[in-house]
Amino acid sequence: MGALTKAELAEHLHSELALSKREAKAMVEAFFEEIRACLRENEQVKLSGFGNFDLRDKRERPGRNPKTGEEIPISARRVVTFRPGQKLKQQVERYASEGGFGKQD
Protein backbone atom coordinates (compact mmCIF):
# COMPACT_ATOMS: atom_id res chain seq x y z
CA MET A 1 0.00 0.00 0.00
CA GLY A 2 1.44 3.37 -1.01
CA ALA A 3 0.89 6.88 0.23
CA LEU A 4 -0.87 9.71 -1.57
CA THR A 5 1.51 12.62 -2.17
CA LYS A 6 0.93 16.29 -2.90
CA ALA A 7 2.36 15.69 -6.37
CA GLU A 8 -0.24 12.96 -6.98
CA LEU A 9 -3.02 15.26 -5.76
CA ALA A 10 -1.82 17.94 -8.18
CA GLU A 11 -1.68 15.41 -11.02
CA HIS A 12 -5.25 14.32 -10.24
CA LEU A 13 -6.46 17.96 -10.31
CA HIS A 14 -4.60 18.46 -13.57
CA SER A 15 -6.28 15.49 -15.24
CA GLU A 16 -9.77 15.74 -13.69
CA LEU A 17 -10.29 19.51 -13.80
CA ALA A 18 -8.20 20.33 -16.86
CA LEU A 19 -5.98 22.68 -14.86
CA SER A 20 -2.44 23.29 -16.00
CA LYS A 21 0.14 21.41 -13.96
CA ARG A 22 1.35 24.72 -12.52
CA GLU A 23 -2.21 25.73 -11.51
CA ALA A 24 -2.90 22.32 -9.98
CA LYS A 25 0.31 22.41 -7.94
CA ALA A 26 -0.46 25.97 -6.79
CA MET A 27 -3.99 24.93 -5.75
CA VAL A 28 -2.70 22.02 -3.65
CA GLU A 29 -0.07 24.26 -2.01
CA ALA A 30 -2.67 26.97 -1.31
CA PHE A 31 -5.01 24.41 0.27
CA PHE A 32 -2.37 23.13 2.68
CA GLU A 33 -1.07 26.62 3.42
CA GLU A 34 -4.59 27.69 4.41
CA ILE A 35 -4.81 24.76 6.84
CA ARG A 36 -1.39 25.63 8.29
CA ALA A 37 -2.36 29.32 8.63
CA CYS A 38 -5.58 28.48 10.47
CA LEU A 39 -3.75 26.17 12.87
CA ARG A 40 -1.09 28.85 13.50
CA GLU A 41 -3.97 31.16 14.53
CA ASN A 42 -5.33 28.48 16.89
CA GLU A 43 -8.38 27.92 14.68
CA GLN A 44 -10.02 24.55 14.24
CA VAL A 45 -10.09 23.30 10.64
CA LYS A 46 -13.38 21.57 9.77
CA LEU A 47 -13.63 19.80 6.42
CA SER A 48 -17.23 18.66 6.06
CA GLY A 49 -17.51 14.98 5.22
CA PHE A 50 -13.81 14.44 5.93
CA GLY A 51 -12.79 15.47 9.45
CA ASN A 52 -11.38 18.08 11.81
CA PHE A 53 -7.85 19.24 12.56
CA ASP A 54 -7.44 20.57 16.11
CA LEU A 55 -4.62 21.79 18.32
CA ARG A 56 -4.15 20.14 21.71
CA ASP A 57 -1.85 21.17 24.52
CA LYS A 58 -0.01 18.27 26.13
CA ARG A 59 1.34 18.69 29.64
CA GLU A 60 4.86 17.80 30.66
CA ARG A 61 5.09 14.14 31.59
CA PRO A 62 7.71 11.66 32.72
CA GLY A 63 9.46 9.62 30.07
CA ARG A 64 12.38 7.25 29.80
CA ASN A 65 15.47 7.17 27.60
CA PRO A 66 15.09 3.81 25.80
CA LYS A 67 18.87 3.25 25.58
CA THR A 68 19.82 4.01 29.18
CA GLY A 69 16.54 3.61 31.03
CA GLU A 70 17.16 7.03 32.59
CA GLU A 71 14.00 8.89 33.54
CA ILE A 72 13.69 12.19 31.65
CA PRO A 73 10.86 14.72 31.42
CA ILE A 74 8.99 15.05 28.13
CA SER A 75 8.32 18.75 27.76
CA ALA A 76 4.89 20.31 27.35
CA ARG A 77 3.98 20.93 23.74
CA ARG A 78 1.17 21.69 21.35
CA VAL A 79 0.22 18.96 18.88
CA VAL A 80 -2.07 18.78 15.86
CA THR A 81 -4.73 16.09 16.00
CA PHE A 82 -7.06 14.81 13.30
CA ARG A 83 -10.49 13.37 13.99
CA PRO A 84 -12.16 11.73 11.01
CA GLY A 85 -15.74 12.72 10.29
CA GLN A 86 -18.66 10.31 10.30
CA LYS A 87 -18.85 10.04 6.49
CA LEU A 88 -15.14 9.24 6.20
CA LYS A 89 -15.39 6.64 8.97
CA GLN A 90 -18.36 4.98 7.27
CA GLN A 91 -16.62 4.88 3.89
CA VAL A 92 -13.47 3.37 5.39
CA GLU A 93 -15.49 0.79 7.33
CA ARG A 94 -17.48 -0.13 4.22
CA TYR A 95 -14.29 -0.47 2.16
CA ALA A 96 -12.65 -2.59 4.87
CA SER A 97 -15.70 -4.86 5.20
CA GLU A 98 -15.62 -5.47 1.44
CA GLY A 99 -12.05 -6.72 1.76
CA GLY A 100 -10.49 -3.56 0.33
CA PHE A 101 -7.61 -3.36 2.80
CA GLY A 102 -4.75 -5.79 2.66
CA LYS A 103 -5.21 -6.64 -1.01
CA GLN A 104 -2.07 -6.89 -3.10
CA ASP A 105 -2.35 -5.14 -6.46
PDB file of N, CA and C in Angstrom:
ATOM      1  N   MET A   1       0.857  -1.166   0.000  1.00  0.00           N
ATOM      2  CA  MET A   1       0.000   0.000   0.000  1.00  0.00           C
ATOM      3  C   MET A   1       0.905   1.231   0.000  1.00  0.00           C
ATOM      4  N   GLY A   2       0.648   2.151  -0.913  1.00  0.00           N
ATOM      5  CA  GLY A   2       1.438   3.371  -1.013  1.00  0.00           C
ATOM      6  C   GLY A   2       0.812   4.508  -0.236  1.00  0.00           C
ATOM      7  N   ALA A   3       1.391   5.669  -0.431  1.00  0.00           N
ATOM      8  CA  ALA A   3       0.887   6.880   0.225  1.00  0.00           C
ATOM      9  C   ALA A   3       0.568   7.912  -0.848  1.00  0.00           C
ATOM     10  N   LEU A   4      -0.496   8.645  -0.657  1.00  0.00           N
ATOM     11  CA  LEU A   4      -0.873   9.714  -1.572  1.00  0.00           C
ATOM     12  C   LEU A   4       0.010  10.921  -1.291  1.00  0.00           C
ATOM     13  N   THR A   5       0.626  11.467  -2.327  1.00  0.00           N
ATOM     14  CA  THR A   5       1.510  12.619  -2.165  1.00  0.00           C
ATOM     15  C   THR A   5       0.852  13.878  -2.712  1.00  0.00           C
ATOM     16  N   LYS A   6       1.438  15.031  -2.358  1.00  0.00           N
ATOM     17  CA  LYS A   6       0.926  16.295  -2.895  1.00  0.00           C
ATOM     18  C   LYS A   6       1.079  16.312  -4.415  1.00  0.00           C
ATOM     19  N   ALA A   7       2.150  15.736  -4.923  1.00  0.00           N
ATOM     20  CA  ALA A   7       2.357  15.685  -6.373  1.00  0.00           C
ATOM     21  C   ALA A   7       1.250  14.875  -7.049  1.00  0.00           C
ATOM     22  N   GLU A   8       0.840  13.776  -6.419  1.00  0.00           N
ATOM     23  CA  GLU A   8      -0.244  12.963  -6.978  1.00  0.00           C
ATOM     24  C   GLU A   8      -1.576  13.701  -6.915  1.00  0.00           C
ATOM     25  N   LEU A   9      -1.806  14.445  -5.838  1.00  0.00           N
ATOM     26  CA  LEU A   9      -3.021  15.263  -5.764  1.00  0.00           C
ATOM     27  C   LEU A   9      -3.039  16.284  -6.894  1.00  0.00           C
ATOM     28  N   ALA A  10      -1.911  16.947  -7.111  1.00  0.00           N
ATOM     29  CA  ALA A  10      -1.820  17.944  -8.179  1.00  0.00           C
ATOM     30  C   ALA A  10      -2.050  17.296  -9.538  1.00  0.00           C
ATOM     31  N   GLU A  11      -1.495  16.120  -9.748  1.00  0.00           N
ATOM     32  CA  GLU A  11      -1.676  15.410 -11.016  1.00  0.00           C
ATOM     33  C   GLU A  11      -3.150  15.055 -11.223  1.00  0.00           C
ATOM     34  N   HIS A  12      -3.827  14.652 -10.158  1.00  0.00           N
ATOM     35  CA  HIS A  12      -5.252  14.323 -10.240  1.00  0.00           C
ATOM     36  C   HIS A  12      -6.063  15.572 -10.609  1.00  0.00           C
ATOM     37  N   LEU A  13      -5.767  16.709  -9.971  1.00  0.00           N
ATOM     38  CA  LEU A  13      -6.462  17.960 -10.308  1.00  0.00           C
ATOM     39  C   LEU A  13      -6.193  18.347 -11.758  1.00  0.00           C
ATOM     40  N   HIS A  14      -4.975  18.153 -12.189  1.00  0.00           N
ATOM     41  CA  HIS A  14      -4.601  18.462 -13.574  1.00  0.00           C
ATOM     42  C   HIS A  14      -5.446  17.643 -14.552  1.00  0.00           C
ATOM     43  N   SER A  15      -5.563  16.345 -14.295  1.00  0.00           N
ATOM     44  CA  SER A  15      -6.283  15.490 -15.245  1.00  0.00           C
ATOM     45  C   SER A  15      -7.801  15.593 -15.116  1.00  0.00           C
ATOM     46  N   GLU A  16      -8.318  15.721 -13.892  1.00  0.00           N
ATOM     47  CA  GLU A  16      -9.767  15.737 -13.691  1.00  0.00           C
ATOM     48  C   GLU A  16     -10.413  17.092 -13.963  1.00  0.00           C
ATOM     49  N   LEU A  17      -9.701  18.176 -13.666  1.00  0.00           N
ATOM     50  CA  LEU A  17     -10.288  19.513 -13.799  1.00  0.00           C
ATOM     51  C   LEU A  17      -9.689  20.316 -14.947  1.00  0.00           C
ATOM     52  N   ALA A  18      -8.839  19.674 -15.712  1.00  0.00           N
ATOM     53  CA  ALA A  18      -8.200  20.325 -16.865  1.00  0.00           C
ATOM     54  C   ALA A  18      -7.451  21.597 -16.461  1.00  0.00           C
ATOM     55  N   LEU A  19      -6.840  21.569 -15.281  1.00  0.00           N
ATOM     56  CA  LEU A  19      -5.980  22.676 -14.862  1.00  0.00           C
ATOM     57  C   LEU A  19      -4.588  22.423 -15.423  1.00  0.00           C
ATOM     58  N   SER A  20      -3.838  23.505 -15.610  1.00  0.00           N
ATOM     59  CA  SER A  20      -2.444  23.294 -15.995  1.00  0.00           C
ATOM     60  C   SER A  20      -1.733  22.666 -14.801  1.00  0.00           C
ATOM     61  N   LYS A  21      -0.596  22.031 -15.061  1.00  0.00           N
ATOM     62  CA  LYS A  21       0.143  21.413 -13.959  1.00  0.00           C
ATOM     63  C   LYS A  21       0.567  22.463 -12.943  1.00  0.00           C
ATOM     64  N   ARG A  22       0.937  23.634 -13.411  1.00  0.00           N
ATOM     65  CA  ARG A  22       1.347  24.717 -12.516  1.00  0.00           C
ATOM     66  C   ARG A  22       0.171  25.167 -11.644  1.00  0.00           C
ATOM     67  N   GLU A  23      -1.015  25.328 -12.264  1.00  0.00           N
ATOM     68  CA  GLU A  23      -2.211  25.733 -11.507  1.00  0.00           C
ATOM     69  C   GLU A  23      -2.599  24.670 -10.476  1.00  0.00           C
ATOM     70  N   ALA A  24      -2.528  23.412 -10.880  1.00  0.00           N
ATOM     71  CA  ALA A  24      -2.896  22.315  -9.981  1.00  0.00           C
ATOM     72  C   ALA A  24      -1.958  22.270  -8.778  1.00  0.00           C
ATOM     73  N   LYS A  25      -0.664  22.410  -9.034  1.00  0.00           N
ATOM     74  CA  LYS A  25       0.308  22.406  -7.936  1.00  0.00           C
ATOM     75  C   LYS A  25       0.067  23.598  -7.013  1.00  0.00           C
ATOM     76  N   ALA A  26      -0.203  24.769  -7.590  1.00  0.00           N
ATOM     77  CA  ALA A  26      -0.463  25.970  -6.787  1.00  0.00           C
ATOM     78  C   ALA A  26      -1.723  25.797  -5.942  1.00  0.00           C
ATOM     79  N   MET A  27      -2.742  25.138  -6.489  1.00  0.00           N
ATOM     80  CA  MET A  27      -3.986  24.925  -5.749  1.00  0.00           C
ATOM     81  C   MET A  27      -3.748  24.010  -4.548  1.00  0.00           C
ATOM     82  N   VAL A  28      -3.002  22.940  -4.749  1.00  0.00           N
ATOM     83  CA  VAL A  28      -2.695  22.021  -3.652  1.00  0.00           C
ATOM     84  C   VAL A  28      -1.897  22.749  -2.575  1.00  0.00           C
ATOM     85  N   GLU A  29      -0.885  23.506  -2.981  1.00  0.00           N
ATOM     86  CA  GLU A  29      -0.072  24.259  -2.014  1.00  0.00           C
ATOM     87  C   GLU A  29      -0.919  25.275  -1.252  1.00  0.00           C
ATOM     88  N   ALA A  30      -1.812  25.969  -1.954  1.00  0.00           N
ATOM     89  CA  ALA A  30      -2.672  26.968  -1.311  1.00  0.00           C
ATOM     90  C   ALA A  30      -3.606  26.307  -0.293  1.00  0.00           C
ATOM     91  N   PHE A  31      -4.123  25.141  -0.637  1.00  0.00           N
ATOM     92  CA  PHE A  31      -5.008  24.407   0.270  1.00  0.00           C
ATOM     93  C   PHE A  31      -4.295  24.082   1.584  1.00  0.00           C
ATOM     94  N   PHE A  32      -3.101  23.502   1.473  1.00  0.00           N
ATOM     95  CA  PHE A  32      -2.369  23.131   2.682  1.00  0.00           C
ATOM     96  C   PHE A  32      -1.858  24.346   3.442  1.00  0.00           C
ATOM     97  N   GLU A  33      -1.508  25.401   2.738  1.00  0.00           N
ATOM     98  CA  GLU A  33      -1.069  26.622   3.419  1.00  0.00           C
ATOM     99  C   GLU A  33      -2.220  27.229   4.215  1.00  0.00           C
ATOM    100  N   GLU A  34      -3.429  27.166   3.689  1.00  0.00           N
ATOM    101  CA  GLU A  34      -4.592  27.688   4.412  1.00  0.00           C
ATOM    102  C   GLU A  34      -4.827  26.894   5.701  1.00  0.00           C
ATOM    103  N   ILE A  35      -4.675  25.588   5.633  1.00  0.00           N
ATOM    104  CA  ILE A  35      -4.806  24.760   6.838  1.00  0.00           C
ATOM    105  C   ILE A  35      -3.733  25.138   7.849  1.00  0.00           C
ATOM    106  N   ARG A  36      -2.483  25.254   7.386  1.00  0.00           N
ATOM    107  CA  ARG A  36      -1.390  25.635   8.295  1.00  0.00           C
ATOM    108  C   ARG A  36      -1.644  26.997   8.926  1.00  0.00           C
ATOM    109  N   ALA A  37      -2.108  27.961   8.128  1.00  0.00           N
ATOM    110  CA  ALA A  37      -2.356  29.318   8.631  1.00  0.00           C
ATOM    111  C   ALA A  37      -3.441  29.309   9.705  1.00  0.00           C
ATOM    112  N   CYS A  38      -4.503  28.566   9.476  1.00  0.00           N
ATOM    113  CA  CYS A  38      -5.580  28.481  10.474  1.00  0.00           C
ATOM    114  C   CYS A  38      -5.063  27.869  11.770  1.00  0.00           C
ATOM    115  N   LEU A  39      -4.287  26.813  11.671  1.00  0.00           N
ATOM    116  CA  LEU A  39      -3.754  26.174  12.875  1.00  0.00           C
ATOM    117  C   LEU A  39      -2.785  27.099  13.607  1.00  0.00           C
ATOM    118  N   ARG A  40      -1.993  27.879  12.860  1.00  0.00           N
ATOM    119  CA  ARG A  40      -1.095  28.854  13.503  1.00  0.00           C
ATOM    120  C   ARG A  40      -1.884  29.872  14.305  1.00  0.00           C
ATOM    121  N   GLU A  41      -3.100  30.193  13.843  1.00  0.00           N
ATOM    122  CA  GLU A  41      -3.966  31.163  14.526  1.00  0.00           C
ATOM    123  C   GLU A  41      -4.870  30.498  15.565  1.00  0.00           C
ATOM    124  N   ASN A  42      -4.561  29.256  15.903  1.00  0.00           N
ATOM    125  CA  ASN A  42      -5.332  28.483  16.892  1.00  0.00           C
ATOM    126  C   ASN A  42      -6.777  28.256  16.475  1.00  0.00           C
ATOM    127  N   GLU A  43      -7.034  28.185  15.189  1.00  0.00           N
ATOM    128  CA  GLU A  43      -8.382  27.917  14.685  1.00  0.00           C
ATOM    129  C   GLU A  43      -8.525  26.430  14.378  1.00  0.00           C
ATOM    130  N   GLN A  44      -9.714  25.918  14.624  1.00  0.00           N
ATOM    131  CA  GLN A  44     -10.022  24.549  14.240  1.00  0.00           C
ATOM    132  C   GLN A  44     -10.269  24.528  12.733  1.00  0.00           C
ATOM    133  N   VAL A  45      -9.841  23.465  12.071  1.00  0.00           N
ATOM    134  CA  VAL A  45     -10.094  23.302  10.640  1.00  0.00           C
ATOM    135  C   VAL A  45     -11.121  22.191  10.487  1.00  0.00           C
ATOM    136  N   LYS A  46     -12.300  22.537   9.962  1.00  0.00           N
ATOM    137  CA  LYS A  46     -13.384  21.572   9.773  1.00  0.00           C
ATOM    138  C   LYS A  46     -13.602  21.364   8.285  1.00  0.00           C
ATOM    139  N   LEU A  47     -13.392  20.146   7.820  1.00  0.00           N
ATOM    140  CA  LEU A  47     -13.625  19.799   6.424  1.00  0.00           C
ATOM    141  C   LEU A  47     -14.829  18.860   6.396  1.00  0.00           C
ATOM    142  N   SER A  48     -15.973  19.405   6.036  1.00  0.00           N
ATOM    143  CA  SER A  48     -17.228  18.665   6.064  1.00  0.00           C
ATOM    144  C   SER A  48     -17.112  17.365   5.268  1.00  0.00           C
ATOM    145  N   GLY A  49     -17.549  16.276   5.863  1.00  0.00           N
ATOM    146  CA  GLY A  49     -17.509  14.977   5.216  1.00  0.00           C
ATOM    147  C   GLY A  49     -16.152  14.308   5.294  1.00  0.00           C
ATOM    148  N   PHE A  50     -15.160  15.002   5.845  1.00  0.00           N
ATOM    149  CA  PHE A  50     -13.808  14.444   5.930  1.00  0.00           C
ATOM    150  C   PHE A  50     -13.342  14.347   7.373  1.00  0.00           C
ATOM    151  N   GLY A  51     -13.222  15.502   8.060  1.00  0.00           N
ATOM    152  CA  GLY A  51     -12.792  15.469   9.453  1.00  0.00           C
ATOM    153  C   GLY A  51     -12.319  16.822   9.939  1.00  0.00           C
ATOM    154  N   ASN A  52     -11.821  16.841  11.171  1.00  0.00           N
ATOM    155  CA  ASN A  52     -11.384  18.082  11.814  1.00  0.00           C
ATOM    156  C   ASN A  52      -9.925  17.993  12.240  1.00  0.00           C
ATOM    157  N   PHE A  53      -9.203  19.086  12.034  1.00  0.00           N
ATOM    158  CA  PHE A  53      -7.852  19.243  12.562  1.00  0.00           C
ATOM    159  C   PHE A  53      -7.956  20.183  13.754  1.00  0.00           C
ATOM    160  N   ASP A  54      -7.400  19.777  14.878  1.00  0.00           N
ATOM    161  CA  ASP A  54      -7.435  20.569  16.106  1.00  0.00           C
ATOM    162  C   ASP A  54      -6.036  20.676  16.681  1.00  0.00           C
ATOM    163  N   LEU A  55      -5.850  21.671  17.550  1.00  0.00           N
ATOM    164  CA  LEU A  55      -4.623  21.791  18.323  1.00  0.00           C
ATOM    165  C   LEU A  55      -4.923  21.351  19.746  1.00  0.00           C
ATOM    166  N   ARG A  56      -4.016  20.574  20.317  1.00  0.00           N
ATOM    167  CA  ARG A  56      -4.150  20.137  21.709  1.00  0.00           C
ATOM    168  C   ARG A  56      -2.872  20.460  22.448  1.00  0.00           C
ATOM    169  N   ASP A  57      -3.013  20.927  23.668  1.00  0.00           N
ATOM    170  CA  ASP A  57      -1.851  21.166  24.515  1.00  0.00           C
ATOM    171  C   ASP A  57      -1.614  19.926  25.358  1.00  0.00           C
ATOM    172  N   LYS A  58      -0.386  19.418  25.307  1.00  0.00           N
ATOM    173  CA  LYS A  58      -0.014  18.270  26.128  1.00  0.00           C
ATOM    174  C   LYS A  58       0.857  18.761  27.268  1.00  0.00           C
ATOM    175  N   ARG A  59       0.560  18.299  28.469  1.00  0.00           N
ATOM    176  CA  ARG A  59       1.341  18.695  29.637  1.00  0.00           C
ATOM    177  C   ARG A  59       2.680  17.965  29.652  1.00  0.00           C
ATOM    178  N   GLU A  60       3.604  18.505  30.449  1.00  0.00           N
ATOM    179  CA  GLU A  60       4.863  17.797  30.657  1.00  0.00           C
ATOM    180  C   GLU A  60       4.554  16.476  31.343  1.00  0.00           C
ATOM    181  N   ARG A  61       5.324  15.447  30.983  1.00  0.00           N
ATOM    182  CA  ARG A  61       5.092  14.138  31.588  1.00  0.00           C
ATOM    183  C   ARG A  61       6.418  13.397  31.708  1.00  0.00           C
ATOM    184  N   PRO A  62       6.463  12.421  32.578  1.00  0.00           N
ATOM    185  CA  PRO A  62       7.709  11.663  32.719  1.00  0.00           C
ATOM    186  C   PRO A  62       7.890  10.709  31.546  1.00  0.00           C
ATOM    187  N   GLY A  63       9.132  10.551  31.142  1.00  0.00           N
ATOM    188  CA  GLY A  63       9.459   9.622  30.073  1.00  0.00           C
ATOM    189  C   GLY A  63      10.714   8.859  30.444  1.00  0.00           C
ATOM    190  N   ARG A  64      11.199   8.054  29.521  1.00  0.00           N
ATOM    191  CA  ARG A  64      12.378   7.249  29.796  1.00  0.00           C
ATOM    192  C   ARG A  64      13.233   7.174  28.537  1.00  0.00           C
ATOM    193  N   ASN A  65      14.538   7.340  28.704  1.00  0.00           N
ATOM    194  CA  ASN A  65      15.469   7.166  27.597  1.00  0.00           C
ATOM    195  C   ASN A  65      15.524   5.668  27.299  1.00  0.00           C
ATOM    196  N   PRO A  66      15.147   5.248  26.086  1.00  0.00           N
ATOM    197  CA  PRO A  66      15.090   3.812  25.801  1.00  0.00           C
ATOM    198  C   PRO A  66      16.457   3.125  25.834  1.00  0.00           C
ATOM    199  N   LYS A  67      17.537   3.868  25.578  1.00  0.00           N
ATOM    200  CA  LYS A  67      18.869   3.254  25.583  1.00  0.00           C
ATOM    201  C   LYS A  67      19.398   3.047  26.997  1.00  0.00           C
ATOM    202  N   THR A  68      19.214   4.064  27.846  1.00  0.00           N
ATOM    203  CA  THR A  68      19.821   4.009  29.181  1.00  0.00           C
ATOM    204  C   THR A  68      18.829   3.669  30.276  1.00  0.00           C
ATOM    205  N   GLY A  69      17.545   3.828  30.004  1.00  0.00           N
ATOM    206  CA  GLY A  69      16.541   3.611  31.031  1.00  0.00           C
ATOM    207  C   GLY A  69      16.394   4.797  31.972  1.00  0.00           C
ATOM    208  N   GLU A  70      17.200   5.835  31.742  1.00  0.00           N
ATOM    209  CA  GLU A  70      17.164   7.028  32.588  1.00  0.00           C
ATOM    210  C   GLU A  70      15.824   7.738  32.438  1.00  0.00           C
ATOM    211  N   GLU A  71      15.265   8.161  33.566  1.00  0.00           N
ATOM    212  CA  GLU A  71      14.005   8.893  33.535  1.00  0.00           C
ATOM    213  C   GLU A  71      14.283  10.334  33.127  1.00  0.00           C
ATOM    214  N   ILE A  72      13.532  10.814  32.128  1.00  0.00           N
ATOM    215  CA  ILE A  72      13.688  12.191  31.654  1.00  0.00           C
ATOM    216  C   ILE A  72      12.307  12.794  31.440  1.00  0.00           C
ATOM    217  N   PRO A  73      12.167  14.101  31.654  1.00  0.00           N
ATOM    218  CA  PRO A  73      10.857  14.719  31.420  1.00  0.00           C
ATOM    219  C   PRO A  73      10.620  14.948  29.925  1.00  0.00           C
ATOM    220  N   ILE A  74       9.400  14.708  29.494  1.00  0.00           N
ATOM    221  CA  ILE A  74       8.986  15.045  28.130  1.00  0.00           C
ATOM    222  C   ILE A  74       8.273  16.380  28.247  1.00  0.00           C
ATOM    223  N   SER A  75       8.806  17.381  27.573  1.00  0.00           N
ATOM    224  CA  SER A  75       8.320  18.749  27.763  1.00  0.00           C
ATOM    225  C   SER A  75       6.899  18.940  27.238  1.00  0.00           C
ATOM    226  N   ALA A  76       6.237  19.943  27.800  1.00  0.00           N
ATOM    227  CA  ALA A  76       4.893  20.310  27.353  1.00  0.00           C
ATOM    228  C   ALA A  76       4.985  20.790  25.914  1.00  0.00           C
ATOM    229  N   ARG A  77       3.961  20.509  25.140  1.00  0.00           N
ATOM    230  CA  ARG A  77       3.983  20.935  23.739  1.00  0.00           C
ATOM    231  C   ARG A  77       2.566  20.978  23.189  1.00  0.00           C
ATOM    232  N   ARG A  78       2.444  21.612  22.061  1.00  0.00           N
ATOM    233  CA  ARG A  78       1.168  21.685  21.354  1.00  0.00           C
ATOM    234  C   ARG A  78       1.264  20.730  20.161  1.00  0.00           C
ATOM    235  N   VAL A  79       0.227  19.930  19.974  1.00  0.00           N
ATOM    236  CA  VAL A  79       0.216  18.963  18.879  1.00  0.00           C
ATOM    237  C   VAL A  79      -1.036  19.150  18.023  1.00  0.00           C
ATOM    238  N   VAL A  80      -0.926  18.766  16.771  1.00  0.00           N
ATOM    239  CA  VAL A  80      -2.068  18.782  15.856  1.00  0.00           C
ATOM    240  C   VAL A  80      -2.697  17.397  15.895  1.00  0.00           C
ATOM    241  N   THR A  81      -4.011  17.361  16.030  1.00  0.00           N
ATOM    242  CA  THR A  81      -4.725  16.087  15.997  1.00  0.00           C
ATOM    243  C   THR A  81      -5.734  16.112  14.853  1.00  0.00           C
ATOM    244  N   PHE A  82      -6.052  14.936  14.351  1.00  0.00           N
ATOM    245  CA  PHE A  82      -7.064  14.806  13.304  1.00  0.00           C
ATOM    246  C   PHE A  82      -8.118  13.834  13.790  1.00  0.00           C
ATOM    247  N   ARG A  83      -9.366  14.249  13.665  1.00  0.00           N
ATOM    248  CA  ARG A  83     -10.493  13.369  13.993  1.00  0.00           C
ATOM    249  C   ARG A  83     -11.315  13.180  12.729  1.00  0.00           C
ATOM    250  N   PRO A  84     -11.383  11.957  12.221  1.00  0.00           N
ATOM    251  CA  PRO A  84     -12.161  11.732  11.005  1.00  0.00           C
ATOM    252  C   PRO A  84     -13.643  11.977  11.243  1.00  0.00           C
ATOM    253  N   GLY A  85     -14.312  12.489  10.220  1.00  0.00           N
ATOM    254  CA  GLY A  85     -15.744  12.719  10.288  1.00  0.00           C
ATOM    255  C   GLY A  85     -16.518  11.429  10.096  1.00  0.00           C
ATOM    256  N   GLN A  86     -17.808  11.479  10.384  1.00  0.00           N
ATOM    257  CA  GLN A  86     -18.665  10.305  10.298  1.00  0.00           C
ATOM    258  C   GLN A  86     -18.666   9.707   8.892  1.00  0.00           C
ATOM    259  N   LYS A  87     -18.792  10.554   7.864  1.00  0.00           N
ATOM    260  CA  LYS A  87     -18.848  10.035   6.489  1.00  0.00           C
ATOM    261  C   LYS A  87     -17.563   9.306   6.127  1.00  0.00           C
ATOM    262  N   LEU A  88     -16.420   9.881   6.493  1.00  0.00           N
ATOM    263  CA  LEU A  88     -15.140   9.236   6.198  1.00  0.00           C
ATOM    264  C   LEU A  88     -15.034   7.905   6.935  1.00  0.00           C
ATOM    265  N   LYS A  89     -15.421   7.881   8.201  1.00  0.00           N
ATOM    266  CA  LYS A  89     -15.386   6.637   8.974  1.00  0.00           C
ATOM    267  C   LYS A  89     -16.239   5.562   8.311  1.00  0.00           C
ATOM    268  N   GLN A  90     -17.449   5.949   7.892  1.00  0.00           N
ATOM    269  CA  GLN A  90     -18.356   4.982   7.272  1.00  0.00           C
ATOM    270  C   GLN A  90     -17.782   4.447   5.967  1.00  0.00           C
ATOM    271  N   GLN A  91     -17.189   5.328   5.158  1.00  0.00           N
ATOM    272  CA  GLN A  91     -16.617   4.881   3.889  1.00  0.00           C
ATOM    273  C   GLN A  91     -15.450   3.927   4.112  1.00  0.00           C
ATOM    274  N   VAL A  92     -14.603   4.237   5.088  1.00  0.00           N
ATOM    275  CA  VAL A  92     -13.466   3.366   5.388  1.00  0.00           C
ATOM    276  C   VAL A  92     -13.960   2.020   5.908  1.00  0.00           C
ATOM    277  N   GLU A  93     -14.944   2.045   6.797  1.00  0.00           N
ATOM    278  CA  GLU A  93     -15.492   0.794   7.330  1.00  0.00           C
ATOM    279  C   GLU A  93     -16.117  -0.050   6.224  1.00  0.00           C
ATOM    280  N   ARG A  94     -16.855   0.597   5.322  1.00  0.00           N
ATOM    281  CA  ARG A  94     -17.482  -0.134   4.217  1.00  0.00           C
ATOM    282  C   ARG A  94     -16.408  -0.753   3.318  1.00  0.00           C
ATOM    283  N   TYR A  95     -15.380   0.017   3.009  1.00  0.00           N
ATOM    284  CA  TYR A  95     -14.290  -0.469   2.165  1.00  0.00           C
ATOM    285  C   TYR A  95     -13.581  -1.649   2.831  1.00  0.00           C
ATOM    286  N   ALA A  96     -13.330  -1.527   4.136  1.00  0.00           N
ATOM    287  CA  ALA A  96     -12.651  -2.594   4.869  1.00  0.00           C
ATOM    288  C   ALA A  96     -13.510  -3.854   4.920  1.00  0.00           C
ATOM    289  N   SER A  97     -14.820  -3.694   5.110  1.00  0.00           N
ATOM    290  CA  SER A  97     -15.703  -4.860   5.200  1.00  0.00           C
ATOM    291  C   SER A  97     -15.837  -5.574   3.858  1.00  0.00           C
ATOM    292  N   GLU A  98     -15.573  -4.860   2.768  1.00  0.00           N
ATOM    293  CA  GLU A  98     -15.621  -5.468   1.439  1.00  0.00           C
ATOM    294  C   GLU A  98     -14.284  -6.101   1.069  1.00  0.00           C
ATOM    295  N   GLY A  99     -13.353  -6.108   2.017  1.00  0.00           N
ATOM    296  CA  GLY A  99     -12.048  -6.721   1.762  1.00  0.00           C
ATOM    297  C   GLY A  99     -11.085  -5.810   1.037  1.00  0.00           C
ATOM    298  N   GLY A 100     -11.336  -4.504   1.069  1.00  0.00           N
ATOM    299  CA  GLY A 100     -10.494  -3.562   0.333  1.00  0.00           C
ATOM    300  C   GLY A 100      -9.108  -3.375   0.900  1.00  0.00           C
ATOM    301  N   PHE A 101      -8.928  -3.534   2.202  1.00  0.00           N
ATOM    302  CA  PHE A 101      -7.609  -3.358   2.805  1.00  0.00           C
ATOM    303  C   PHE A 101      -6.869  -4.681   2.792  1.00  0.00           C
ATOM    304  N   GLY A 102      -5.582  -4.600   2.608  1.00  0.00           N
ATOM    305  CA  GLY A 102      -4.753  -5.794   2.658  1.00  0.00           C
ATOM    306  C   GLY A 102      -4.635  -6.513   1.333  1.00  0.00           C
ATOM    307  N   LYS A 103      -5.321  -6.031   0.308  1.00  0.00           N
ATOM    308  CA  LYS A 103      -5.207  -6.639  -1.012  1.00  0.00           C
ATOM    309  C   LYS A 103      -3.869  -6.266  -1.631  1.00  0.00           C
ATOM    310  N   GLN A 104      -3.298  -7.173  -2.356  1.00  0.00           N
ATOM    311  CA  GLN A 104      -2.074  -6.893  -3.103  1.00  0.00           C
ATOM    312  C   GLN A 104      -2.457  -6.626  -4.549  1.00  0.00           C
ATOM    313  N   ASP A 105      -2.029  -5.473  -5.064  1.00  0.00           N
ATOM    314  CA  ASP A 105      -2.350  -5.138  -6.464  1.00  0.00           C
ATOM    315  C   ASP A 105      -1.271  -5.613  -7.397  1.00  0.00           C
TER     316      ASP A 105
END
